Every structure is written in C-alpha cells, then in structure tokens.
Amino acid sequence: MNKRQPNRRQQILEVLAHELETHPGSRITTAGLAKAVGVSEAALYRHFASKAKMFEALIDFAEETVFGLINKIVENEKDVITRSEKIIQLLLGFSERNPGITRILIGDALLGENERLHARIVQFFDRIETQFKQIMREANLGDGPRAISNMEAASNQMVTYIEGKMSQFARSSFTKKPTEHWEDHWVSMKQGLFRP
C-alpha cells in the first residue's frame, strides 16, 4: 500500500504557528523551527525561500479565512448591528483559536522581521476598518439602525477593540481569552455606537 506523504509545507506552517503559541515573547529561528519540524534548515528552505515567506503564508491563511467569512456575514445579514457584532465575534474567535497567528497579527512575532510583513498587518486591519465603514454607509442609506457618531470613528472604535483584545490575549500568554466578557462589552459598545 502506498502511504500518502504528509504535506511538508503545511506541516512547517502548523509547527511555526505552534512554536509562536508555545514560546510567547520569543523570537523563532529557522534552526529552532527546523528542529521542531524534524528536518534540516535546508529542507525548510526547499519549501520556503525565507522565514518571511513562512510568515507571509500564515498571513495569507488569516486573510483568506477572515475575509471569506466576513463576506458570508455581509451576504447573510442585512442589519448593521448584527453584521458588526458577528464580524467582531469572528475576529475574536479566530484569534482565540489561532494564538500563534495572533502574535503575527499584533506584530509581536514580527519584531526584527521584513518591513513588508508589517505593512501586510497594517493592510489587514485597514481592510477590516474599511469593511465596517462600508457596512455603515449601506446602513445610512436605509431606515434601520445607524452609527451615532461619524462612520470613521465608529469603525475605528470597533477595530481598536479587536486589536486591544488580541494584544491582551498575547500579552497574557494566551490566558485572557479575546471572547472573555464579550456579551457585556457588546451591550455597552452597541449602545454607544448605534442609534435605532
């Protein structure tokens, strides 16, 4: 019987995410990663040209997952409050399930890495903020709930909340879950952000 070879590229990314999770605050070296994967550094470089390319692949995964699910929320929900709530919940849940990738998204794991990676993270959160603005613009065209303050301020507040919860999660060595107190926080946030 021919046993199927595991996807080595996928395995490297999973081990990298795991190393980021289990060694919070530490820099991950290619030598350490190769040891954790159980291959030589040369074998790592056969799959990824650099460590930056490994980080980029994890950012790609985050973008594809998050923005794919955001698109589904926008398609299925029409109410601005429900859309906003579900998008925030999505991002908090994604962070909670992917602690290693959270370190990348908040920039903690990227210290000393290629500037292009930092730009990708800025772009990631800018896209989320733009999505919130678009949702608010559409709400302003209808008769339903809308932002109390201007759309930019409301969108920025929601993104700042998400980034803050992710940072707290990483800073606490992943003990303070991003979804902790979510229901209570959302009650106050929606009262401050939207009017019927």
Protein backbone atom coordinates (compact mmCIF):
# COMPACT_ATOMS: atom_id res chain seq x y z
CA MET A 1 0.00 0.00 0.00
CA ASN A 2 1.32 3.43 -0.90
CA LYS A 3 1.10 5.70 2.13
CA ARG A 4 0.41 9.29 1.28
CA GLN A 5 3.22 11.71 2.22
CA PRO A 6 2.16 14.48 4.59
CA ASN A 7 2.15 17.95 3.07
CA ARG A 8 5.51 19.18 4.38
CA ARG A 9 4.76 22.83 3.59
CA GLN A 10 1.55 22.67 5.63
CA GLN A 11 3.37 20.86 8.43
CA ILE A 12 6.04 23.60 8.59
CA LEU A 13 3.35 26.29 8.88
CA GLU A 14 1.47 24.37 11.59
CA VAL A 15 4.68 23.88 13.58
CA LEU A 16 5.58 27.56 13.17
CA ALA A 17 2.15 28.60 14.48
CA HIS A 18 2.54 26.14 17.37
CA GLU A 19 6.03 27.47 18.20
CA LEU A 20 4.69 31.03 18.21
CA GLU A 21 1.96 29.92 20.61
CA THR A 22 4.15 27.89 22.98
CA HIS A 23 7.03 30.39 23.10
CA PRO A 24 5.27 33.75 23.58
CA GLY A 25 7.65 36.68 23.53
CA SER A 26 10.42 34.59 21.95
CA ARG A 27 11.90 35.01 18.51
CA ILE A 28 11.56 31.91 16.35
CA THR A 29 14.74 30.98 14.46
CA THR A 30 14.88 28.81 11.37
CA ALA A 31 17.24 26.45 13.23
CA GLY A 32 14.74 26.08 16.07
CA LEU A 33 11.86 25.67 13.64
CA ALA A 34 13.73 23.03 11.62
CA LYS A 35 14.41 21.10 14.84
CA ALA A 36 10.73 21.33 15.87
CA VAL A 37 9.61 20.10 12.42
CA GLY A 38 12.25 17.35 12.47
CA VAL A 39 14.03 18.41 9.28
CA SER A 40 17.20 20.27 8.34
CA GLU A 41 17.23 24.02 7.73
CA ALA A 42 17.97 23.22 4.08
CA ALA A 43 14.72 21.23 3.95
CA LEU A 44 12.81 24.26 5.27
CA TYR A 45 14.29 26.39 2.51
CA ARG A 46 13.19 23.89 -0.13
CA HIS A 47 9.60 24.79 0.81
CA PHE A 48 10.01 28.46 1.75
CA ALA A 49 12.67 30.84 0.43
CA SER A 50 12.86 32.60 3.81
CA LYS A 51 11.28 32.85 7.23
CA ALA A 52 9.47 35.94 5.94
CA LYS A 53 7.77 33.73 3.33
CA MET A 54 6.57 31.43 6.14
CA PHE A 55 5.08 34.39 7.99
CA GLU A 56 3.50 35.60 4.75
CA ALA A 57 1.87 32.21 4.24
CA LEU A 58 0.31 32.44 7.73
CA ILE A 59 -0.88 35.99 7.00
CA ASP A 60 -2.38 34.69 3.72
CA PHE A 61 -4.21 32.00 5.71
CA ALA A 62 -5.56 34.62 8.14
CA GLU A 63 -6.72 36.89 5.30
CA GLU A 64 -8.39 34.13 3.31
CA THR A 65 -10.17 32.74 6.36
CA VAL A 66 -11.27 36.02 7.92
CA PHE A 67 -12.30 37.87 4.77
CA GLY A 68 -14.01 34.81 3.32
CA LEU A 69 -16.15 34.55 6.47
CA ILE A 70 -16.76 38.33 6.57
CA ASN A 71 -18.13 38.11 3.03
CA LYS A 72 -20.56 35.39 4.16
CA ILE A 73 -21.71 37.52 7.11
CA VAL A 74 -22.31 40.51 4.81
CA GLU A 75 -24.25 38.31 2.36
CA ASN A 76 -26.42 36.68 5.04
CA GLU A 77 -27.06 39.58 7.42
CA LYS A 78 -28.58 42.90 6.48
CA ASP A 79 -28.73 44.70 9.84
CA VAL A 80 -25.70 46.93 10.61
CA ILE A 81 -25.66 45.95 14.30
CA THR A 82 -25.82 42.20 13.59
CA ARG A 83 -23.17 42.46 10.88
CA SER A 84 -20.83 44.42 13.15
CA GLU A 85 -21.39 42.07 16.08
CA LYS A 86 -20.74 38.95 14.01
CA ILE A 87 -17.60 40.37 12.40
CA ILE A 88 -16.14 41.30 15.79
CA GLN A 89 -17.07 37.87 17.18
CA LEU A 90 -15.47 36.24 14.13
CA LEU A 91 -12.17 38.05 14.67
CA LEU A 92 -12.11 37.40 18.42
CA GLY A 93 -12.88 33.72 17.84
CA PHE A 94 -10.25 33.44 15.09
CA SER A 95 -7.69 34.94 17.46
CA GLU A 96 -8.67 32.58 20.27
CA ARG A 97 -8.37 29.51 18.03
CA ASN A 98 -5.07 30.69 16.49
CA PRO A 99 -2.83 32.10 19.24
CA GLY A 100 0.35 31.79 17.17
CA ILE A 101 -1.19 33.70 14.27
CA THR A 102 -2.47 36.30 16.76
CA ARG A 103 1.17 37.05 17.62
CA ILE A 104 1.75 37.77 13.95
CA LEU A 105 -1.39 39.91 13.60
CA ILE A 106 -0.45 42.16 16.52
CA GLY A 107 3.13 42.42 15.22
CA ASP A 108 4.70 40.80 18.29
CA ALA A 109 6.24 37.94 16.30
CA LEU A 110 7.42 40.27 13.55
CA LEU A 111 9.92 42.34 15.55
CA GLY A 112 13.12 42.47 13.52
CA GLU A 113 11.42 40.90 10.50
CA ASN A 114 10.95 42.27 7.00
CA GLU A 115 9.11 45.62 6.85
CA ARG A 116 6.82 44.17 4.14
CA LEU A 117 5.30 41.88 6.79
CA HIS A 118 4.44 44.84 8.99
CA ALA A 119 2.80 46.54 6.01
CA ARG A 120 0.67 43.41 5.42
CA ILE A 121 -0.61 43.56 9.01
CA VAL A 122 -1.46 47.26 8.69
CA GLN A 123 -3.33 46.40 5.49
CA PHE A 124 -5.18 43.53 7.23
CA PHE A 125 -6.64 45.83 9.89
CA ASP A 126 -7.24 48.65 7.40
CA ARG A 127 -9.36 46.23 5.33
CA ILE A 128 -11.42 45.35 8.41
CA GLU A 129 -11.95 49.03 9.20
CA THR A 130 -12.93 49.69 5.58
CA GLN A 131 -15.42 46.82 5.79
CA PHE A 132 -17.04 48.38 8.87
CA LYS A 133 -17.23 51.76 7.09
CA GLN A 134 -18.90 50.12 4.09
CA ILE A 135 -21.44 48.41 6.34
CA MET A 136 -22.22 51.77 7.99
CA ARG A 137 -22.52 53.53 4.62
CA GLU A 138 -25.06 50.95 3.49
CA ALA A 139 -26.96 51.32 6.79
CA ASN A 140 -27.15 55.10 6.29
CA LEU A 141 -28.99 54.52 3.02
CA GLY A 142 -31.76 52.57 4.75
CA ASP A 143 -34.28 53.20 7.52
CA GLY A 144 -32.68 50.90 10.11
CA PRO A 145 -30.07 51.47 12.81
CA ARG A 146 -27.05 53.64 12.03
CA ALA A 147 -23.90 54.92 13.72
CA ILE A 148 -24.42 57.59 16.38
CA SER A 149 -21.08 59.29 15.66
CA ASN A 150 -19.41 59.52 12.29
CA MET A 151 -18.71 56.27 10.46
CA GLU A 152 -14.92 56.65 10.67
CA ALA A 153 -14.98 56.99 14.46
CA ALA A 154 -17.37 54.07 14.93
CA SER A 155 -15.39 51.82 12.56
CA ASN A 156 -12.12 52.76 14.23
CA GLN A 157 -13.54 52.04 17.69
CA MET A 158 -14.55 48.51 16.67
CA VAL A 159 -11.14 47.77 15.11
CA THR A 160 -9.37 49.23 18.16
CA TYR A 161 -11.43 46.93 20.39
CA ILE A 162 -10.46 43.89 18.28
CA GLU A 163 -6.76 44.80 18.27
CA GLY A 164 -6.84 45.50 22.01
CA LYS A 165 -8.40 42.12 22.82
CA MET A 166 -5.84 40.36 20.59
CA SER A 167 -2.96 42.21 22.25
CA GLN A 168 -4.26 41.38 25.73
CA PHE A 169 -4.55 37.72 24.70
CA ALA A 170 -0.91 37.59 23.57
CA ARG A 171 0.37 39.68 26.50
CA SER A 172 -1.33 37.32 28.97
CA SER A 173 0.46 34.34 27.39
CA PHE A 174 -2.93 33.35 25.95
CA THR A 175 -4.74 33.07 29.29
CA LYS A 176 -7.11 36.07 28.87
CA LYS A 177 -9.34 34.88 26.03
CA PRO A 178 -10.41 37.51 23.47
CA THR A 179 -14.05 36.44 23.88
CA GLU A 180 -13.96 36.92 27.66
CA HIS A 181 -16.69 39.41 28.71
CA TRP A 182 -17.74 39.77 25.05
CA GLU A 183 -21.50 39.87 25.70
CA ASP A 184 -21.18 42.62 28.33
CA HIS A 185 -18.76 44.62 26.21
CA TRP A 186 -21.04 44.40 23.18
CA VAL A 187 -24.06 45.67 25.14
CA SER A 188 -22.17 48.87 26.02
CA MET A 189 -20.49 49.21 22.66
CA LYS A 190 -23.67 48.93 20.61
CA GLN A 191 -25.45 51.44 22.85
CA GLY A 192 -22.58 53.87 22.30
CA LEU A 193 -22.14 53.16 18.60
CA PHE A 194 -25.63 52.85 17.11
CA ARG A 195 -28.97 54.53 17.28
CA PRO A 196 -32.20 52.76 16.28
